[in-house]
Amino acid sequence: MPVRRLSAPVIAAGLAASLLSGCAFFQGDDEPAPSKPVAPVPTAQQPATPAPDTIMPGAQGQAAGRGPVYELPLDGHITPPVDPPDAQRLVAQADAQMEDKDGKGPNSQAMAQALALFDQAMARGSLKAREALAVYYYYGRGTGRDPQKAAEVVKPAAQAGLPMAALIYGQLYNNGSIPGGGAGEAQYWYNVARRAGCAPCMSSHQEFLNSIEAKLNLPSSKGQGDLASDPIVLPGITDDAAGSKREYAVLGILYPGWKQVEQHRVVENGRQLDQFTLENAQKRRVRVYFDATDWGKPAGKGGPGAK
């Protein structure tokens, strides 16, 4: 039977679907970096302040010969920049070369043409081309397998907030292809991928948290926690002390080894949220939100799910 080769978008979607946890790994050829959950050190809560929910990353200047440099927001949705029109056309041509035809997949000539088109698009400032090329370099599709090259190519796209690029970049940290970061850096880039809209990353994140909660005999929580609009809801909380204990248990599951640098009780759309700011060893920061509005309220009387 002929080998079926898939286009970059299909491969990337499969890559995301293979995530098993917040410390994700590619199935088959990688090992996740081991880490032990460590709860952050609590700090005093601060007065309520409104929390932002949508922030676009903006260009922060331009390095010589390297294109725009982007600063990703600490909080809120991430909306990555759009490729220039001429680069978009080249990416579309490359994707067309890689399309599965009659179940046979592209031949070696078509793959070579696609890779050349992606290279041309990348030279014209395409971040989508970088995202696609990283998949091919990582898996060795149409070219030699080269995780280090994948890391070099995908870095600007991840830093600009492209969801699959951030996922791949995180994985390269998690499996040691990029030294010096490990699981802590991986968790940061997985957070970026989720906030940029990687749906399979979100579902895997939720499944991972719920699976660990089940092992600890804790009720299943709901919500991603990455955004003020989608906080983690902890069922069955009777008071603030019980809620705080559960919050730290969840933080230790999702961000093992990170330290807490801030905690605030904020108000968002009439809801009381606990906002945690965590930091890894590389000084990367993320925010995690918990909904504390209904703590101590019976279910059905203003509790979770009540209208």
Protein backbone atom coordinates (compact mmCIF):
# COMPACT_ATOMS: atom_id res chain seq x y z
CA MET A 1 0.00 0.00 0.00
CA PRO A 2 1.27 3.51 -0.73
CA VAL A 3 2.29 5.65 2.22
CA ARG A 4 -0.19 8.43 2.85
CA ARG A 5 1.46 11.74 3.65
CA LEU A 6 -0.49 14.51 5.23
CA SER A 7 -0.32 18.26 4.85
CA ALA A 8 1.22 20.45 7.54
CA PRO A 9 -2.15 21.63 8.96
CA VAL A 10 -3.36 18.02 9.31
CA ILE A 11 -0.11 16.89 10.93
CA ALA A 12 -0.19 19.83 13.31
CA ALA A 13 -3.78 19.06 14.28
CA GLY A 14 -2.82 15.46 15.00
CA LEU A 15 0.11 16.69 17.04
CA ALA A 16 -2.18 18.79 19.21
CA ALA A 17 -4.64 15.93 19.60
CA SER A 18 -1.85 13.73 20.96
CA LEU A 19 -1.42 15.96 24.01
CA LEU A 20 -2.04 14.02 27.19
CA SER A 21 -1.51 16.74 29.77
CA GLY A 22 -0.29 20.21 30.59
CA CYS A 23 3.16 18.57 30.35
CA ALA A 24 2.41 17.20 26.91
CA PHE A 25 4.51 14.93 24.74
CA PHE A 26 4.48 13.60 21.21
CA GLN A 27 3.37 10.01 21.28
CA GLY A 28 5.87 7.46 20.18
CA ASP A 29 9.29 9.07 20.15
CA ASP A 30 9.58 11.36 23.14
CA GLU A 31 9.57 11.13 26.90
CA PRO A 32 8.00 13.88 29.01
CA ALA A 33 10.29 15.71 31.39
CA PRO A 34 9.59 14.41 34.91
CA SER A 35 8.59 16.89 37.58
CA LYS A 36 7.03 16.73 41.02
CA PRO A 37 4.04 18.93 41.95
CA VAL A 38 5.04 21.72 44.30
CA ALA A 39 2.39 24.08 45.66
CA PRO A 40 3.21 27.80 45.47
CA VAL A 41 3.80 29.71 48.69
CA PRO A 42 0.66 31.69 49.61
CA THR A 43 0.69 35.47 49.84
CA ALA A 44 -1.83 37.91 51.22
CA GLN A 45 -4.86 38.73 49.10
CA GLN A 46 -5.18 42.26 47.71
CA PRO A 47 -8.18 44.55 47.14
CA ALA A 48 -10.44 43.86 44.19
CA THR A 49 -9.42 45.27 40.81
CA PRO A 50 -10.86 44.62 37.33
CA ALA A 51 -9.01 42.01 35.24
CA PRO A 52 -8.41 42.37 31.48
CA ASP A 53 -9.57 39.55 29.22
CA THR A 54 -8.43 40.31 25.68
CA ILE A 55 -5.05 41.78 24.79
CA MET A 56 -3.38 41.64 21.41
CA PRO A 57 0.38 41.22 21.23
CA GLY A 58 2.04 44.17 19.54
CA ALA A 59 5.27 44.64 17.68
CA GLN A 60 7.91 45.93 20.07
CA GLY A 61 10.47 47.08 17.53
CA GLN A 62 12.37 45.28 14.81
CA ALA A 63 15.68 43.49 15.14
CA ALA A 64 18.01 43.90 12.17
CA GLY A 65 17.26 41.21 9.61
CA ARG A 66 14.95 39.31 11.94
CA GLY A 67 11.58 40.96 11.44
CA PRO A 68 9.25 42.21 14.19
CA VAL A 69 9.82 41.25 17.81
CA TYR A 70 6.60 40.48 19.70
CA GLU A 71 5.86 40.72 23.40
CA LEU A 72 3.13 38.30 24.42
CA PRO A 73 0.63 39.53 27.00
CA LEU A 74 0.65 38.03 30.48
CA ASP A 75 -3.12 37.97 30.51
CA GLY A 76 -6.02 37.42 28.14
CA HIS A 77 -6.57 35.98 24.68
CA ILE A 78 -3.66 36.04 22.26
CA THR A 79 -4.38 37.11 18.67
CA PRO A 80 -1.34 36.38 16.48
CA PRO A 81 -0.40 38.67 13.58
CA VAL A 82 -1.49 37.90 10.02
CA ASP A 83 1.06 37.05 7.32
CA PRO A 84 1.71 39.52 4.47
CA PRO A 85 -0.49 38.82 1.40
CA ASP A 86 2.36 37.62 -0.82
CA ALA A 87 3.51 35.21 1.89
CA GLN A 88 -0.06 33.94 2.34
CA ARG A 89 -0.21 33.05 -1.37
CA LEU A 90 3.02 31.06 -1.14
CA VAL A 91 1.78 29.17 1.93
CA ALA A 92 -1.46 28.33 0.10
CA GLN A 93 0.54 27.01 -2.86
CA ALA A 94 2.70 24.93 -0.52
CA ASP A 95 -0.34 23.48 1.23
CA ALA A 96 -1.83 22.58 -2.16
CA GLN A 97 1.34 20.64 -3.02
CA MET A 98 1.02 18.66 0.21
CA GLU A 99 -2.65 17.76 -0.16
CA ASP A 100 -3.51 14.08 -0.18
CA LYS A 101 -4.44 13.10 -3.74
CA ASP A 102 -6.46 9.94 -4.38
CA GLY A 103 -5.19 8.41 -1.16
CA LYS A 104 -1.62 8.35 -2.46
CA GLY A 105 -0.28 11.50 -0.88
CA PRO A 106 2.24 13.86 -2.46
CA ASN A 107 5.27 12.39 -4.20
CA SER A 108 8.82 13.38 -3.31
CA GLN A 109 8.89 16.07 -6.00
CA ALA A 110 5.70 17.67 -4.68
CA MET A 111 7.06 17.61 -1.14
CA ALA A 112 10.30 19.25 -2.26
CA GLN A 113 8.32 21.94 -4.08
CA ALA A 114 6.18 22.52 -0.99
CA LEU A 115 9.21 22.89 1.27
CA ALA A 116 10.76 25.34 -1.19
CA LEU A 117 7.54 27.39 -1.21
CA PHE A 118 7.43 27.40 2.59
CA ASP A 119 11.04 28.63 2.60
CA GLN A 120 10.13 31.44 0.18
CA ALA A 121 7.13 32.39 2.30
CA MET A 122 9.26 32.41 5.45
CA ALA A 123 11.73 34.76 3.73
CA ARG A 124 8.78 37.09 3.08
CA GLY A 125 7.85 37.18 6.75
CA SER A 126 5.41 34.28 6.98
CA LEU A 127 4.93 32.95 10.50
CA LYS A 128 2.52 30.27 9.22
CA ALA A 129 5.32 28.93 7.02
CA ARG A 130 7.57 28.69 10.08
CA GLU A 131 4.83 26.82 11.91
CA ALA A 132 4.47 24.35 9.02
CA LEU A 133 8.21 23.88 8.44
CA ALA A 134 8.73 23.12 12.13
CA VAL A 135 6.35 20.17 11.81
CA TYR A 136 8.29 18.80 8.83
CA TYR A 137 11.69 19.25 10.48
CA TYR A 138 10.47 17.69 13.71
CA TYR A 139 9.02 14.60 12.04
CA GLY A 140 11.43 14.42 9.10
CA ARG A 141 8.66 14.79 6.50
CA GLY A 142 10.26 15.40 3.12
CA THR A 143 13.51 16.34 4.82
CA GLY A 144 15.86 14.97 7.45
CA ARG A 145 14.52 14.88 11.00
CA ASP A 146 16.11 17.83 12.79
CA PRO A 147 14.51 18.95 16.09
CA GLN A 148 17.14 21.67 16.53
CA LYS A 149 16.28 23.12 13.11
CA ALA A 150 12.60 22.88 14.03
CA ALA A 151 13.31 24.90 17.18
CA GLU A 152 15.23 27.55 15.25
CA VAL A 153 12.52 27.88 12.60
CA VAL A 154 9.50 27.88 14.90
CA LYS A 155 10.79 30.22 17.63
CA PRO A 156 9.64 33.54 16.03
CA ALA A 157 6.20 32.07 15.30
CA ALA A 158 5.83 30.83 18.87
CA GLN A 159 6.96 34.19 20.23
CA ALA A 160 4.30 35.87 18.07
CA GLY A 161 1.60 33.64 19.56
CA LEU A 162 0.73 31.20 16.76
CA PRO A 163 -1.00 28.33 18.59
CA MET A 164 0.60 25.31 16.88
CA ALA A 165 3.99 27.01 16.88
CA ALA A 166 3.73 27.56 20.64
CA LEU A 167 2.69 23.92 21.09
CA ILE A 168 5.66 22.63 19.07
CA TYR A 169 8.07 25.00 20.81
CA GLY A 170 6.85 23.83 24.19
CA GLN A 171 7.25 20.22 23.18
CA LEU A 172 10.83 20.83 22.05
CA TYR A 173 11.56 22.12 25.55
CA ASN A 174 9.71 19.24 27.17
CA ASN A 175 11.68 16.53 25.37
CA GLY A 176 15.05 18.25 25.79
CA SER A 177 15.58 19.28 22.15
CA ILE A 178 15.96 22.82 23.50
CA PRO A 179 18.20 22.64 26.58
CA GLY A 180 17.82 24.60 29.78
CA GLY A 181 14.05 24.91 30.14
CA GLY A 182 12.44 21.52 30.60
CA ALA A 183 8.87 21.14 31.76
CA GLY A 184 8.69 24.65 33.20
CA GLU A 185 9.27 26.29 29.82
CA ALA A 186 7.02 23.72 28.15
CA GLN A 187 4.14 24.61 30.47
CA TYR A 188 4.57 28.29 29.61
CA TRP A 189 4.34 27.66 25.86
CA TYR A 190 1.39 25.30 26.28
CA ASN A 191 -0.36 28.15 28.12
CA VAL A 192 0.37 30.43 25.14
CA ALA A 193 -1.02 27.80 22.74
CA ARG A 194 -4.27 27.53 24.70
CA ARG A 195 -4.75 31.30 24.98
CA ALA A 196 -4.11 31.56 21.24
CA GLY A 197 -7.00 29.17 20.59
CA CYS A 198 -5.53 25.67 20.26
CA ALA A 199 -8.73 23.69 20.91
CA PRO A 200 -7.10 20.24 21.28
CA CYS A 201 -4.66 21.78 23.77
CA MET A 202 -7.58 23.06 25.82
CA SER A 203 -9.39 19.72 25.91
CA SER A 204 -6.19 17.86 26.82
CA HIS A 205 -5.49 20.40 29.57
CA GLN A 206 -8.93 19.78 31.08
CA GLU A 207 -8.67 16.01 30.73
CA PHE A 208 -5.27 15.98 32.41
CA LEU A 209 -6.44 18.04 35.38
CA ASN A 210 -9.58 15.94 35.85
CA SER A 211 -7.61 12.68 35.63
CA ILE A 212 -5.26 13.77 38.42
CA GLU A 213 -8.18 15.04 40.51
CA ALA A 214 -9.80 11.62 40.16
CA LYS A 215 -6.63 9.91 41.39
CA LEU A 216 -6.62 12.25 44.40
CA ASN A 217 -10.34 11.57 45.05
CA LEU A 218 -11.20 15.21 44.37
CA PRO A 219 -14.35 16.37 42.54
CA SER A 220 -13.74 17.24 38.90
CA SER A 221 -13.22 20.94 38.31
CA LYS A 222 -14.37 22.82 35.22
CA GLY A 223 -12.79 25.61 33.22
CA GLN A 224 -9.34 26.25 31.79
CA GLY A 225 -8.22 28.87 34.30
CA ASP A 226 -6.10 30.67 31.70
CA LEU A 227 -8.57 33.55 31.26
CA ALA A 228 -10.75 35.60 33.56
CA SER A 229 -13.67 34.68 31.29
CA ASP A 230 -13.01 30.94 31.80
CA PRO A 231 -11.89 30.46 35.41
CA ILE A 232 -11.50 27.11 37.11
CA VAL A 233 -14.67 26.25 39.05
CA LEU A 234 -14.11 24.00 42.07
CA PRO A 235 -17.31 22.19 43.12
CA GLY A 236 -18.26 21.49 46.72
CA ILE A 237 -16.24 24.27 48.35
CA THR A 238 -17.68 25.15 51.78
CA ASP A 239 -15.53 28.15 52.73
CA ASP A 240 -12.46 30.19 51.79
CA ALA A 241 -10.09 27.92 53.69
CA ALA A 242 -11.28 24.84 51.81
CA GLY A 243 -11.20 26.79 48.55
CA SER A 244 -7.65 27.97 49.11
CA LYS A 245 -6.50 24.42 49.85
CA ARG A 246 -8.05 23.15 46.62
CA GLU A 247 -6.59 26.04 44.62
CA TYR A 248 -3.07 25.17 45.70
CA ALA A 249 -3.67 21.50 44.94
CA VAL A 250 -4.72 22.42 41.39
CA LEU A 251 -1.81 24.83 40.93
CA GLY A 252 0.59 22.10 42.01
CA ILE A 253 -0.92 19.77 39.40
CA LEU A 254 -0.86 22.24 36.52
CA TYR A 255 2.37 24.11 37.26
CA PRO A 256 4.68 21.89 39.33
CA GLY A 257 7.79 23.68 40.51
CA TRP A 258 6.52 27.18 39.70
CA LYS A 259 6.43 29.79 42.46
CA GLN A 260 3.62 32.16 43.28
CA VAL A 261 4.51 35.84 43.00
CA GLU A 262 1.07 37.45 43.37
CA GLN A 263 -2.46 36.64 44.45
CA HIS A 264 -5.45 38.97 44.16
CA ARG A 265 -9.21 38.72 44.60
CA VAL A 266 -10.57 40.45 41.49
CA VAL A 267 -14.04 41.19 40.16
CA GLU A 268 -14.92 40.28 36.58
CA ASN A 269 -18.48 40.56 35.24
CA GLY A 270 -19.85 40.41 38.76
CA ARG A 271 -17.88 37.27 39.66
CA GLN A 272 -15.36 37.02 42.48
CA LEU A 273 -12.15 35.53 41.06
CA ASP A 274 -8.91 34.51 42.70
CA GLN A 275 -6.12 35.57 40.35
CA PHE A 276 -2.73 33.89 40.81
CA THR A 277 0.45 34.99 39.04
CA LEU A 278 3.04 32.21 38.86
CA GLU A 279 6.66 32.28 37.73
CA ASN A 280 8.98 29.52 36.52
CA ALA A 281 12.74 29.24 36.91
CA GLN A 282 13.26 31.19 33.66
CA LYS A 283 11.14 34.11 35.01
CA ARG A 284 8.26 33.36 32.64
CA ARG A 285 4.91 34.23 34.16
CA VAL A 286 1.36 32.95 33.72
CA ARG A 287 -1.93 33.80 35.35
CA VAL A 288 -4.46 31.31 36.66
CA TYR A 289 -8.04 32.18 37.62
CA PHE A 290 -10.42 30.44 40.03
CA ASP A 291 -14.09 31.36 40.51
CA ALA A 292 -14.67 31.93 44.24
CA THR A 293 -18.12 33.53 43.87
CA ASP A 294 -20.19 30.57 45.05
CA TRP A 295 -17.97 29.15 47.73
CA GLY A 296 -20.13 28.00 50.63
CA LYS A 297 -23.40 28.32 48.69
CA PRO A 298 -25.54 25.19 48.29
CA ALA A 299 -25.83 23.88 44.74
CA GLY A 300 -29.04 25.14 43.16
CA LYS A 301 -29.13 28.28 45.36
CA GLY A 302 -26.57 30.41 43.68
CA GLY A 303 -24.04 27.61 43.51
CA PRO A 304 -22.16 26.47 40.40
CA GLY A 305 -24.46 26.28 37.41
CA ALA A 306 -27.18 28.44 38.98
CA LYS A 307 -28.69 31.23 36.90
